[in-house]
């Protein structure tokens, strides 16, 4: 959370820093949210100008 920021943060977080940055390991199995299908609907209305 504190890598590459200015001003440099205090040394209270020794596990932080550019040398500690690693790639995130994302789960390989699919999650139920990955299978979510969103439905799209549309509605239009003809605008009639009245004088």
PDB file of N, CA and C in Angstrom:
ATOM      1  N   UNK A   1       0.805  -1.192   0.000  1.00  0.00           N
ATOM      2  CA  UNK A   1       0.000   0.000   0.000  1.00  0.00           C
ATOM      3  C   UNK A   1       0.852   1.261   0.000  1.00  0.00           C
ATOM      4  N   UNK A   2       2.105   1.151   0.362  1.00  0.00           N
ATOM      5  CA  UNK A   2       2.919   2.359   0.474  1.00  0.00           C
ATOM      6  C   UNK A   2       4.089   2.371  -0.491  1.00  0.00           C
ATOM      7  N   UNK A   3       4.086   1.532  -1.499  1.00  0.00           N
ATOM      8  CA  UNK A   3       5.210   1.467  -2.436  1.00  0.00           C
ATOM      9  C   UNK A   3       5.175   2.616  -3.421  1.00  0.00           C
ATOM     10  N   UNK A   4       6.298   3.278  -3.610  1.00  0.00           N
ATOM     11  CA  UNK A   4       6.428   4.308  -4.632  1.00  0.00           C
ATOM     12  C   UNK A   4       5.646   5.572  -4.352  1.00  0.00           C
ATOM     13  N   UNK A   5       5.454   5.948  -3.074  1.00  0.00           N
ATOM     14  CA  UNK A   5       4.717   7.161  -2.753  1.00  0.00           C
ATOM     15  C   UNK A   5       5.660   8.253  -2.283  1.00  0.00           C
ATOM     16  N   UNK A   6       5.239   9.491  -2.426  1.00  0.00           N
ATOM     17  CA  UNK A   6       6.011  10.640  -1.970  1.00  0.00           C
ATOM     18  C   UNK A   6       5.103  11.490  -1.109  1.00  0.00           C
ATOM     19  N   UNK A   7       5.515  11.910   0.050  1.00  0.00           N
ATOM     20  CA  UNK A   7       6.791  11.642   0.720  1.00  0.00           C
ATOM     21  C   UNK A   7       6.882  10.192   1.189  1.00  0.00           C
ATOM     22  N   UNK A   8       8.099   9.759   1.424  1.00  0.00           N
ATOM     23  CA  UNK A   8       8.334   8.384   1.846  1.00  0.00           C
ATOM     24  C   UNK A   8       7.681   8.136   3.204  1.00  0.00           C
ATOM     25  N   UNK A   9       6.930   7.028   3.361  1.00  0.00           N
ATOM     26  CA  UNK A   9       6.292   6.736   4.643  1.00  0.00           C
ATOM     27  C   UNK A   9       7.321   6.330   5.689  1.00  0.00           C
ATOM     28  N   UNK A  10       6.910   6.375   6.948  1.00  0.00           N
ATOM     29  CA  UNK A  10       7.826   5.969   8.018  1.00  0.00           C
ATOM     30  C   UNK A  10       8.091   4.471   7.934  1.00  0.00           C
ATOM     31  N   UNK A  11       9.019   3.996   8.719  1.00  0.00           N
ATOM     32  CA  UNK A  11       9.415   2.582   8.681  1.00  0.00           C
ATOM     33  C   UNK A  11       8.525   1.692   9.547  1.00  0.00           C
ATOM     34  N   UNK A  12       7.292   2.107   9.807  1.00  0.00           N
ATOM     35  CA  UNK A  12       6.396   1.292  10.620  1.00  0.00           C
ATOM     36  C   UNK A  12       5.878   0.078   9.864  1.00  0.00           C
ATOM     37  N   UNK A  13       6.028   0.081   8.545  1.00  0.00           N
ATOM     38  CA  UNK A  13       5.556  -1.036   7.728  1.00  0.00           C
ATOM     39  C   UNK A  13       6.749  -1.674   7.018  1.00  0.00           C
ATOM     40  N   UNK A  14       7.539  -2.473   7.733  1.00  0.00           N
ATOM     41  CA  UNK A  14       8.761  -3.026   7.149  1.00  0.00           C
ATOM     42  C   UNK A  14       8.515  -4.011   6.013  1.00  0.00           C
ATOM     43  N   UNK A  15       7.313  -4.563   5.885  1.00  0.00           N
ATOM     44  CA  UNK A  15       7.041  -5.535   4.824  1.00  0.00           C
ATOM     45  C   UNK A  15       6.634  -4.863   3.522  1.00  0.00           C
ATOM     46  N   UNK A  16       6.738  -3.553   3.430  1.00  0.00           N
ATOM     47  CA  UNK A  16       6.360  -2.811   2.238  1.00  0.00           C
ATOM     48  C   UNK A  16       7.609  -2.369   1.477  1.00  0.00           C
ATOM     49  N   UNK A  17       7.446  -2.080   0.204  1.00  0.00           N
ATOM     50  CA  UNK A  17       8.546  -1.555  -0.593  1.00  0.00           C
ATOM     51  C   UNK A  17       8.595  -2.193  -1.957  1.00  0.00           C
ATOM     52  N   UNK A  18       9.303  -1.551  -2.901  1.00  0.00           N
ATOM     53  CA  UNK A  18       9.374  -2.067  -4.280  1.00  0.00           C
ATOM     54  C   UNK A  18       9.924  -3.483  -4.363  1.00  0.00           C
ATOM     55  N   UNK A  19      10.839  -3.840  -3.469  1.00  0.00           N
ATOM     56  CA  UNK A  19      11.422  -5.187  -3.508  1.00  0.00           C
ATOM     57  C   UNK A  19      10.452  -6.255  -3.013  1.00  0.00           C
ATOM     58  N   UNK A  20       9.343  -5.851  -2.409  1.00  0.00           N
ATOM     59  CA  UNK A  20       8.357  -6.796  -1.879  1.00  0.00           C
ATOM     60  C   UNK A  20       7.163  -6.988  -2.811  1.00  0.00           C
ATOM     61  N   UNK A  21       7.118  -6.250  -3.909  1.00  0.00           N
ATOM     62  CA  UNK A  21       5.975  -6.335  -4.817  1.00  0.00           C
ATOM     63  C   UNK A  21       6.012  -7.660  -5.575  1.00  0.00           C
ATOM     64  N   UNK A  22       4.912  -8.392  -5.535  1.00  0.00           N
ATOM     65  CA  UNK A  22       4.796  -9.652  -6.280  1.00  0.00           C
ATOM     66  C   UNK A  22       3.461  -9.664  -7.015  1.00  0.00           C
ATOM     67  N   UNK A  23       3.337 -10.551  -7.942  1.00  0.00           N
ATOM     68  CA  UNK A  23       2.088 -10.683  -8.694  1.00  0.00           C
ATOM     69  C   UNK A  23       1.018 -11.298  -7.800  1.00  0.00           C
ATOM     70  N   UNK A  24      -0.223 -10.926  -8.041  1.00  0.00           N
ATOM     71  CA  UNK A  24      -1.339 -11.489  -7.272  1.00  0.00           C
ATOM     72  C   UNK A  24      -1.650 -12.888  -7.789  1.00  0.00           C
ATOM     73  N   UNK A  25      -1.880 -13.797  -6.880  1.00  0.00           N
ATOM     74  CA  UNK A  25      -2.282 -15.150  -7.251  1.00  0.00           C
ATOM     75  C   UNK A  25      -3.802 -15.219  -7.193  1.00  0.00           C
ATOM     76  N   UNK A  26      -4.421 -15.172  -8.351  1.00  0.00           N
ATOM     77  CA  UNK A  26      -5.869 -15.242  -8.413  1.00  0.00           C
ATOM     78  C   UNK A  26      -6.298 -16.703  -8.441  1.00  0.00           C
ATOM     79  N   UNK A  27      -7.470 -17.014  -7.897  1.00  0.00           N
ATOM     80  CA  UNK A  27      -7.932 -18.412  -7.909  1.00  0.00           C
ATOM     81  C   UNK A  27      -8.128 -18.908  -9.344  1.00  0.00           C
ATOM     82  N   UNK A  28      -7.771 -20.151  -9.569  1.00  0.00           N
ATOM     83  CA  UNK A  28      -7.897 -20.719 -10.914  1.00  0.00           C
ATOM     84  C   UNK A  28      -9.302 -21.240 -11.180  1.00  0.00           C
ATOM     85  N   UNK A  29     -10.008 -21.667 -10.130  1.00  0.00           N
ATOM     86  CA  UNK A  29     -11.366 -22.157 -10.331  1.00  0.00           C
ATOM     87  C   UNK A  29     -12.306 -20.970 -10.515  1.00  0.00           C
ATOM     88  N   UNK A  30     -13.366 -21.193 -11.271  1.00  0.00           N
ATOM     89  CA  UNK A  30     -14.302 -20.096 -11.511  1.00  0.00           C
ATOM     90  C   UNK A  30     -15.204 -19.913 -10.295  1.00  0.00           C
ATOM     91  N   UNK A  31     -15.602 -18.694 -10.089  1.00  0.00           N
ATOM     92  CA  UNK A  31     -16.483 -18.347  -8.984  1.00  0.00           C
ATOM     93  C   UNK A  31     -17.895 -18.152  -9.522  1.00  0.00           C
ATOM     94  N   UNK A  32     -18.911 -18.319  -8.686  1.00  0.00           N
ATOM     95  CA  UNK A  32     -20.291 -18.128  -9.159  1.00  0.00           C
ATOM     96  C   UNK A  32     -20.517 -16.754  -9.794  1.00  0.00           C
ATOM     97  N   UNK A  33     -19.844 -15.734  -9.313  1.00  0.00           N
ATOM     98  CA  UNK A  33     -20.030 -14.394  -9.869  1.00  0.00           C
ATOM     99  C   UNK A  33     -19.504 -14.314 -11.306  1.00  0.00           C
ATOM    100  N   UNK A  34     -18.570 -15.197 -11.666  1.00  0.00           N
ATOM    101  CA  UNK A  34     -18.039 -15.212 -13.031  1.00  0.00           C
ATOM    102  C   UNK A  34     -19.082 -15.680 -14.042  1.00  0.00           C
ATOM    103  N   UNK A  35     -20.095 -16.397 -13.583  1.00  0.00           N
ATOM    104  CA  UNK A  35     -21.116 -16.941 -14.477  1.00  0.00           C
ATOM    105  C   UNK A  35     -22.350 -16.051 -14.560  1.00  0.00           C
ATOM    106  N   UNK A  36     -22.301 -14.906 -13.922  1.00  0.00           N
ATOM    107  CA  UNK A  36     -23.433 -13.995 -13.896  1.00  0.00           C
ATOM    108  C   UNK A  36     -23.667 -13.395 -15.276  1.00  0.00           C
ATOM    109  N   UNK A  37     -24.895 -13.462 -15.745  1.00  0.00           N
ATOM    110  CA  UNK A  37     -25.261 -12.857 -17.020  1.00  0.00           C
ATOM    111  C   UNK A  37     -26.225 -11.720 -16.748  1.00  0.00           C
ATOM    112  N   UNK A  38     -25.881 -10.547 -17.218  1.00  0.00           N
ATOM    113  CA  UNK A  38     -26.749  -9.394 -17.029  1.00  0.00           C
ATOM    114  C   UNK A  38     -27.709  -9.285 -18.193  1.00  0.00           C
ATOM    115  N   UNK A  39     -28.943  -8.994 -17.878  1.00  0.00           N
ATOM    116  CA  UNK A  39     -29.943  -8.802 -18.920  1.00  0.00           C
ATOM    117  C   UNK A  39     -30.077  -7.313 -19.171  1.00  0.00           C
ATOM    118  N   UNK A  40     -30.223  -6.971 -20.427  1.00  0.00           N
ATOM    119  CA  UNK A  40     -30.325  -5.573 -20.808  1.00  0.00           C
ATOM    120  C   UNK A  40     -31.698  -5.338 -21.423  1.00  0.00           C
ATOM    121  N   UNK A  41     -32.339  -4.314 -20.963  1.00  0.00           N
ATOM    122  CA  UNK A  41     -33.606  -3.958 -21.569  1.00  0.00           C
ATOM    123  C   UNK A  41     -33.565  -2.473 -21.910  1.00  0.00           C
ATOM    124  N   UNK A  42     -34.362  -2.093 -22.862  1.00  0.00           N
ATOM    125  CA  UNK A  42     -34.385  -0.697 -23.293  1.00  0.00           C
ATOM    126  C   UNK A  42     -35.824  -0.262 -23.475  1.00  0.00           C
ATOM    127  N   UNK A  43     -36.045   1.003 -23.274  1.00  0.00           N
ATOM    128  CA  UNK A  43     -37.370   1.571 -23.445  1.00  0.00           C
ATOM    129  C   UNK A  43     -37.194   2.920 -24.106  1.00  0.00           C
ATOM    130  N   UNK A  44     -37.957   3.173 -25.121  1.00  0.00           N
ATOM    131  CA  UNK A  44     -37.898   4.488 -25.756  1.00  0.00           C
ATOM    132  C   UNK A  44     -39.308   5.037 -25.867  1.00  0.00           C
ATOM    133  N   UNK A  45     -39.380   6.342 -25.819  1.00  0.00           N
ATOM    134  CA  UNK A  45     -40.677   6.997 -25.872  1.00  0.00           C
ATOM    135  C   UNK A  45     -40.565   8.154 -26.847  1.00  0.00           C
ATOM    136  N   UNK A  46     -41.510   8.245 -27.718  1.00  0.00           N
ATOM    137  CA  UNK A  46     -41.482   9.318 -28.703  1.00  0.00           C
ATOM    138  C   UNK A  46     -41.886  10.617 -28.015  1.00  0.00           C
ATOM    139  N   UNK A  47     -41.066  11.625 -28.181  1.00  0.00           N
ATOM    140  CA  UNK A  47     -41.327  12.921 -27.573  1.00  0.00           C
ATOM    141  C   UNK A  47     -42.198  13.741 -28.510  1.00  0.00           C
ATOM    142  N   UNK A  48     -43.327  14.194 -28.009  1.00  0.00           N
ATOM    143  CA  UNK A  48     -44.240  15.018 -28.795  1.00  0.00           C
ATOM    144  C   UNK A  48     -44.266  16.399 -28.154  1.00  0.00           C
ATOM    145  N   UNK A  49     -43.897  17.389 -28.928  1.00  0.00           N
ATOM    146  CA  UNK A  49     -43.876  18.754 -28.418  1.00  0.00           C
ATOM    147  C   UNK A  49     -45.266  19.350 -28.547  1.00  0.00           C
ATOM    148  N   UNK A  50     -45.772  19.884 -27.467  1.00  0.00           N
ATOM    149  CA  UNK A  50     -47.112  20.470 -27.473  1.00  0.00           C
ATOM    150  C   UNK A  50     -46.990  21.988 -27.367  1.00  0.00           C
ATOM    151  N   UNK A  51     -47.759  22.689 -28.184  1.00  0.00           N
ATOM    152  CA  UNK A  51     -47.740  24.166 -28.171  1.00  0.00           C
ATOM    153  C   UNK A  51     -48.923  24.693 -27.452  1.00  0.00           C
TER     154      UNK A  51
END
